[in-house]
């Protein structure tokens, strides 16, 4: 299987789904407030109240914290964020991460 072929089939909604999944995982792991999803004049906003994105989140690896965490964690393999960002880029979408 060629990973390029897999990502070529991804649309922006697949990327948004991954960002939401990451926010839900962070909420569960860090036991923080519910995520917020809203639409503003400048686009969609997906906000979690977790610990923030670290440089390690941009490397390809399994996440021991997610592997060992509570039931209900969606992602475990360290690819969702990278795939989402690649899909946004390929579709001319510039997400803002704060």
N, C-alpha and C. Protein backbone atom coordinates (compact mmCIF):
# COMPACT_ATOMS: atom_id res chain seq x y z
N UNK A 1 0.85 -1.18 0.00
CA UNK A 1 0.00 0.00 0.00
C UNK A 1 0.89 1.24 0.00
N UNK A 2 0.52 2.19 -0.78
CA UNK A 2 1.27 3.44 -0.87
C UNK A 2 0.55 4.51 -0.06
N UNK A 3 1.23 5.04 0.95
CA UNK A 3 0.61 6.04 1.82
C UNK A 3 0.16 7.27 1.05
N UNK A 4 0.87 7.60 -0.04
CA UNK A 4 0.46 8.76 -0.84
C UNK A 4 -0.93 8.53 -1.43
N UNK A 5 -1.20 7.29 -1.86
CA UNK A 5 -2.53 6.99 -2.40
C UNK A 5 -3.61 7.12 -1.33
N UNK A 6 -3.29 6.71 -0.12
CA UNK A 6 -4.26 6.81 0.97
C UNK A 6 -4.60 8.28 1.23
N UNK A 7 -3.57 9.10 1.39
CA UNK A 7 -3.82 10.51 1.69
C UNK A 7 -4.44 11.25 0.52
N UNK A 8 -4.18 10.82 -0.70
CA UNK A 8 -4.79 11.47 -1.86
C UNK A 8 -6.30 11.35 -1.82
N UNK A 9 -6.80 10.33 -1.16
CA UNK A 9 -8.25 10.13 -1.07
C UNK A 9 -8.87 10.91 0.08
N UNK A 10 -8.05 11.51 0.91
CA UNK A 10 -8.58 12.28 2.05
C UNK A 10 -9.07 13.63 1.57
N UNK A 11 -10.21 14.04 2.11
CA UNK A 11 -10.78 15.36 1.87
C UNK A 11 -10.64 16.17 3.15
N UNK A 12 -10.87 17.49 3.08
CA UNK A 12 -10.76 18.31 4.29
C UNK A 12 -11.60 17.79 5.46
N UNK A 13 -12.76 17.21 5.19
CA UNK A 13 -13.57 16.73 6.32
C UNK A 13 -12.88 15.58 7.06
N UNK A 14 -12.06 14.79 6.36
CA UNK A 14 -11.28 13.75 7.04
C UNK A 14 -10.28 14.40 8.00
N UNK A 15 -9.65 15.48 7.54
CA UNK A 15 -8.67 16.18 8.38
C UNK A 15 -9.35 16.81 9.60
N UNK A 16 -10.51 17.40 9.39
CA UNK A 16 -11.25 17.99 10.51
C UNK A 16 -11.63 16.91 11.52
N UNK A 17 -12.04 15.76 11.01
CA UNK A 17 -12.37 14.64 11.90
C UNK A 17 -11.17 14.26 12.77
N UNK A 18 -9.98 14.24 12.20
CA UNK A 18 -8.77 13.90 12.96
C UNK A 18 -8.46 14.95 14.03
N UNK A 19 -8.63 16.22 13.69
CA UNK A 19 -8.37 17.28 14.67
C UNK A 19 -9.37 17.16 15.83
N UNK A 20 -10.63 16.89 15.51
CA UNK A 20 -11.63 16.71 16.56
C UNK A 20 -11.29 15.49 17.41
N UNK A 21 -10.86 14.40 16.78
CA UNK A 21 -10.48 13.19 17.53
C UNK A 21 -9.33 13.49 18.48
N UNK A 22 -8.34 14.25 18.02
CA UNK A 22 -7.22 14.62 18.89
C UNK A 22 -7.69 15.46 20.07
N UNK A 23 -8.59 16.39 19.81
CA UNK A 23 -9.11 17.24 20.89
C UNK A 23 -9.89 16.39 21.91
N UNK A 24 -10.69 15.45 21.42
CA UNK A 24 -11.44 14.58 22.33
C UNK A 24 -10.50 13.70 23.16
N UNK A 25 -9.44 13.19 22.53
CA UNK A 25 -8.46 12.39 23.26
C UNK A 25 -7.79 13.21 24.35
N UNK A 26 -7.41 14.43 24.02
CA UNK A 26 -6.75 15.29 25.02
C UNK A 26 -7.69 15.59 26.17
N UNK A 27 -8.94 15.84 25.87
CA UNK A 27 -9.93 16.08 26.92
C UNK A 27 -10.02 14.89 27.86
N UNK A 28 -10.05 13.68 27.30
CA UNK A 28 -10.17 12.47 28.11
C UNK A 28 -8.91 12.23 28.94
N UNK A 29 -7.74 12.36 28.30
CA UNK A 29 -6.48 12.08 28.99
C UNK A 29 -6.19 13.10 30.08
N UNK A 30 -6.43 14.38 29.80
CA UNK A 30 -6.08 15.43 30.76
C UNK A 30 -7.24 15.81 31.68
N UNK A 31 -8.39 15.17 31.48
CA UNK A 31 -9.57 15.41 32.32
C UNK A 31 -9.90 16.90 32.40
N UNK A 32 -10.00 17.51 31.22
CA UNK A 32 -10.29 18.94 31.12
C UNK A 32 -11.71 19.16 30.62
N UNK A 33 -12.09 20.41 30.48
CA UNK A 33 -13.43 20.79 30.04
C UNK A 33 -13.73 20.23 28.65
N UNK A 34 -15.01 20.16 28.32
CA UNK A 34 -15.43 19.70 27.00
C UNK A 34 -14.80 20.55 25.91
N UNK A 35 -14.54 19.92 24.76
CA UNK A 35 -14.01 20.68 23.64
C UNK A 35 -15.10 21.61 23.12
N UNK A 36 -14.67 22.64 22.41
CA UNK A 36 -15.61 23.59 21.80
C UNK A 36 -15.40 23.58 20.30
N UNK A 37 -16.49 23.49 19.56
CA UNK A 37 -16.45 23.56 18.11
C UNK A 37 -17.41 24.67 17.70
N UNK A 38 -16.89 25.65 16.96
CA UNK A 38 -17.74 26.76 16.55
C UNK A 38 -17.28 27.27 15.18
N UNK A 39 -18.17 27.98 14.53
CA UNK A 39 -17.85 28.59 13.25
C UNK A 39 -17.80 30.10 13.42
N UNK A 40 -16.71 30.70 12.98
CA UNK A 40 -16.56 32.14 13.04
C UNK A 40 -16.45 32.72 11.64
N UNK A 41 -16.30 34.02 11.55
CA UNK A 41 -16.16 34.67 10.25
C UNK A 41 -14.92 34.19 9.51
N UNK A 42 -13.90 33.78 10.27
CA UNK A 42 -12.64 33.36 9.66
C UNK A 42 -12.53 31.84 9.51
N UNK A 43 -13.60 31.10 9.77
CA UNK A 43 -13.58 29.65 9.60
C UNK A 43 -14.01 28.93 10.86
N UNK A 44 -13.72 27.65 10.89
CA UNK A 44 -14.10 26.80 12.01
C UNK A 44 -13.05 26.84 13.10
N UNK A 45 -13.50 26.71 14.35
CA UNK A 45 -12.62 26.70 15.51
C UNK A 45 -12.88 25.41 16.28
N UNK A 46 -11.81 24.68 16.55
CA UNK A 46 -11.88 23.47 17.37
C UNK A 46 -10.92 23.71 18.52
N UNK A 47 -11.46 23.75 19.73
CA UNK A 47 -10.64 24.12 20.88
C UNK A 47 -10.75 23.06 21.97
N UNK A 48 -9.58 22.66 22.45
CA UNK A 48 -9.57 21.84 23.66
C UNK A 48 -8.84 22.64 24.74
N UNK A 49 -8.94 22.18 25.96
CA UNK A 49 -8.36 22.90 27.09
C UNK A 49 -7.25 22.09 27.73
N UNK A 50 -6.58 21.31 26.88
CA UNK A 50 -5.52 20.42 27.35
C UNK A 50 -4.18 21.10 27.50
N UNK A 51 -3.15 20.31 27.35
CA UNK A 51 -1.78 20.73 27.64
C UNK A 51 -1.07 21.40 26.48
N UNK A 52 -1.68 21.44 25.31
CA UNK A 52 -1.06 22.08 24.16
C UNK A 52 -0.27 21.10 23.32
N UNK A 53 0.01 21.50 22.09
CA UNK A 53 0.77 20.66 21.17
C UNK A 53 2.25 20.86 21.43
N UNK A 54 2.96 19.75 21.51
CA UNK A 54 4.40 19.75 21.72
C UNK A 54 5.09 19.30 20.44
N UNK A 55 6.37 19.57 20.30
CA UNK A 55 7.13 19.17 19.12
C UNK A 55 7.04 17.67 18.88
N UNK A 56 6.95 16.88 19.95
CA UNK A 56 6.87 15.43 19.82
C UNK A 56 5.60 14.98 19.09
N UNK A 57 4.59 15.81 19.09
CA UNK A 57 3.35 15.46 18.41
C UNK A 57 3.50 15.48 16.89
N UNK A 58 4.60 16.02 16.40
CA UNK A 58 4.83 16.09 14.97
C UNK A 58 5.75 14.98 14.48
N UNK A 59 6.09 14.02 15.32
CA UNK A 59 6.90 12.88 14.91
C UNK A 59 6.00 11.66 14.77
N UNK A 60 6.43 10.71 13.97
CA UNK A 60 5.65 9.50 13.74
C UNK A 60 6.00 8.47 14.79
N UNK A 61 5.13 8.28 15.75
CA UNK A 61 5.36 7.25 16.76
C UNK A 61 4.07 6.96 17.51
N UNK A 62 4.03 5.77 18.08
CA UNK A 62 2.89 5.45 18.93
C UNK A 62 2.98 6.29 20.19
N UNK A 63 1.86 6.62 20.74
CA UNK A 63 1.82 7.46 21.93
C UNK A 63 1.57 6.58 23.15
N UNK A 64 2.61 6.33 23.96
CA UNK A 64 2.43 5.47 25.13
C UNK A 64 1.34 5.97 26.06
N UNK A 65 1.21 7.28 26.17
CA UNK A 65 0.18 7.85 27.04
C UNK A 65 -1.21 7.44 26.55
N UNK A 66 -1.41 7.47 25.24
CA UNK A 66 -2.70 7.07 24.69
C UNK A 66 -2.88 5.55 24.75
N UNK A 67 -1.79 4.81 24.50
CA UNK A 67 -1.87 3.35 24.55
C UNK A 67 -2.25 2.86 25.94
N UNK A 68 -1.75 3.54 26.97
CA UNK A 68 -1.98 3.11 28.35
C UNK A 68 -3.16 3.81 29.01
N UNK A 69 -3.86 4.66 28.28
CA UNK A 69 -4.89 5.49 28.92
C UNK A 69 -6.24 4.80 28.99
N UNK A 70 -7.18 5.57 29.44
CA UNK A 70 -8.56 5.12 29.64
C UNK A 70 -9.18 4.61 28.34
N UNK A 71 -10.23 3.83 28.52
CA UNK A 71 -11.02 3.43 27.36
C UNK A 71 -11.62 4.68 26.74
N UNK A 72 -11.82 4.63 25.45
CA UNK A 72 -12.44 5.74 24.76
C UNK A 72 -11.48 6.60 23.98
N UNK A 73 -10.16 6.41 24.17
CA UNK A 73 -9.19 7.18 23.40
C UNK A 73 -9.26 6.73 21.95
N UNK A 74 -9.32 7.68 21.04
CA UNK A 74 -9.51 7.39 19.63
C UNK A 74 -8.19 7.07 18.94
N UNK A 75 -7.21 7.97 19.04
CA UNK A 75 -5.94 7.79 18.35
C UNK A 75 -4.90 7.15 19.24
N UNK A 76 -4.00 6.39 18.61
CA UNK A 76 -2.94 5.74 19.38
C UNK A 76 -1.63 5.66 18.61
N UNK A 77 -1.66 5.88 17.31
CA UNK A 77 -0.52 5.51 16.48
C UNK A 77 0.32 6.68 15.99
N UNK A 78 -0.03 7.90 16.32
CA UNK A 78 0.82 9.04 16.00
C UNK A 78 0.81 9.48 14.56
N UNK A 79 -0.26 9.24 13.82
CA UNK A 79 -0.30 9.66 12.43
C UNK A 79 -1.40 10.67 12.12
N UNK A 80 -2.44 10.75 12.93
CA UNK A 80 -3.61 11.56 12.62
C UNK A 80 -3.32 13.03 12.39
N UNK A 81 -2.56 13.64 13.29
CA UNK A 81 -2.26 15.07 13.15
C UNK A 81 -1.47 15.35 11.88
N UNK A 82 -0.47 14.53 11.61
CA UNK A 82 0.34 14.72 10.40
C UNK A 82 -0.49 14.55 9.15
N UNK A 83 -1.34 13.53 9.12
CA UNK A 83 -2.22 13.31 7.97
C UNK A 83 -3.17 14.49 7.78
N UNK A 84 -3.72 14.99 8.88
CA UNK A 84 -4.64 16.12 8.80
C UNK A 84 -3.94 17.35 8.23
N UNK A 85 -2.75 17.65 8.75
CA UNK A 85 -2.03 18.83 8.26
C UNK A 85 -1.64 18.69 6.79
N UNK A 86 -1.25 17.49 6.37
CA UNK A 86 -0.91 17.25 4.97
C UNK A 86 -2.14 17.44 4.08
N UNK A 87 -3.28 16.98 4.54
CA UNK A 87 -4.52 17.13 3.78
C UNK A 87 -4.93 18.59 3.68
N UNK A 88 -4.84 19.32 4.79
CA UNK A 88 -5.14 20.75 4.74
C UNK A 88 -4.22 21.44 3.73
N UNK A 89 -2.93 21.16 3.79
CA UNK A 89 -1.96 21.79 2.90
C UNK A 89 -2.27 21.48 1.44
N UNK A 90 -2.56 20.23 1.14
CA UNK A 90 -2.85 19.82 -0.23
C UNK A 90 -4.10 20.52 -0.77
N UNK A 91 -5.00 20.90 0.11
CA UNK A 91 -6.25 21.55 -0.30
C UNK A 91 -6.21 23.07 -0.14
N UNK A 92 -5.01 23.62 0.10
CA UNK A 92 -4.86 25.07 0.20
C UNK A 92 -5.47 25.67 1.45
N UNK A 93 -5.60 24.87 2.50
CA UNK A 93 -6.17 25.34 3.76
C UNK A 93 -5.03 25.57 4.74
N UNK A 94 -5.00 26.74 5.36
CA UNK A 94 -3.94 27.08 6.31
C UNK A 94 -4.50 27.12 7.73
N UNK A 95 -4.41 26.00 8.45
CA UNK A 95 -4.92 26.00 9.82
C UNK A 95 -4.04 26.83 10.73
N UNK A 96 -4.64 27.39 11.75
CA UNK A 96 -3.89 28.14 12.76
C UNK A 96 -3.92 27.33 14.04
N UNK A 97 -2.74 26.99 14.54
CA UNK A 97 -2.63 26.23 15.78
C UNK A 97 -2.11 27.16 16.85
N UNK A 98 -2.87 27.30 17.93
CA UNK A 98 -2.44 28.17 19.03
C UNK A 98 -2.50 27.42 20.32
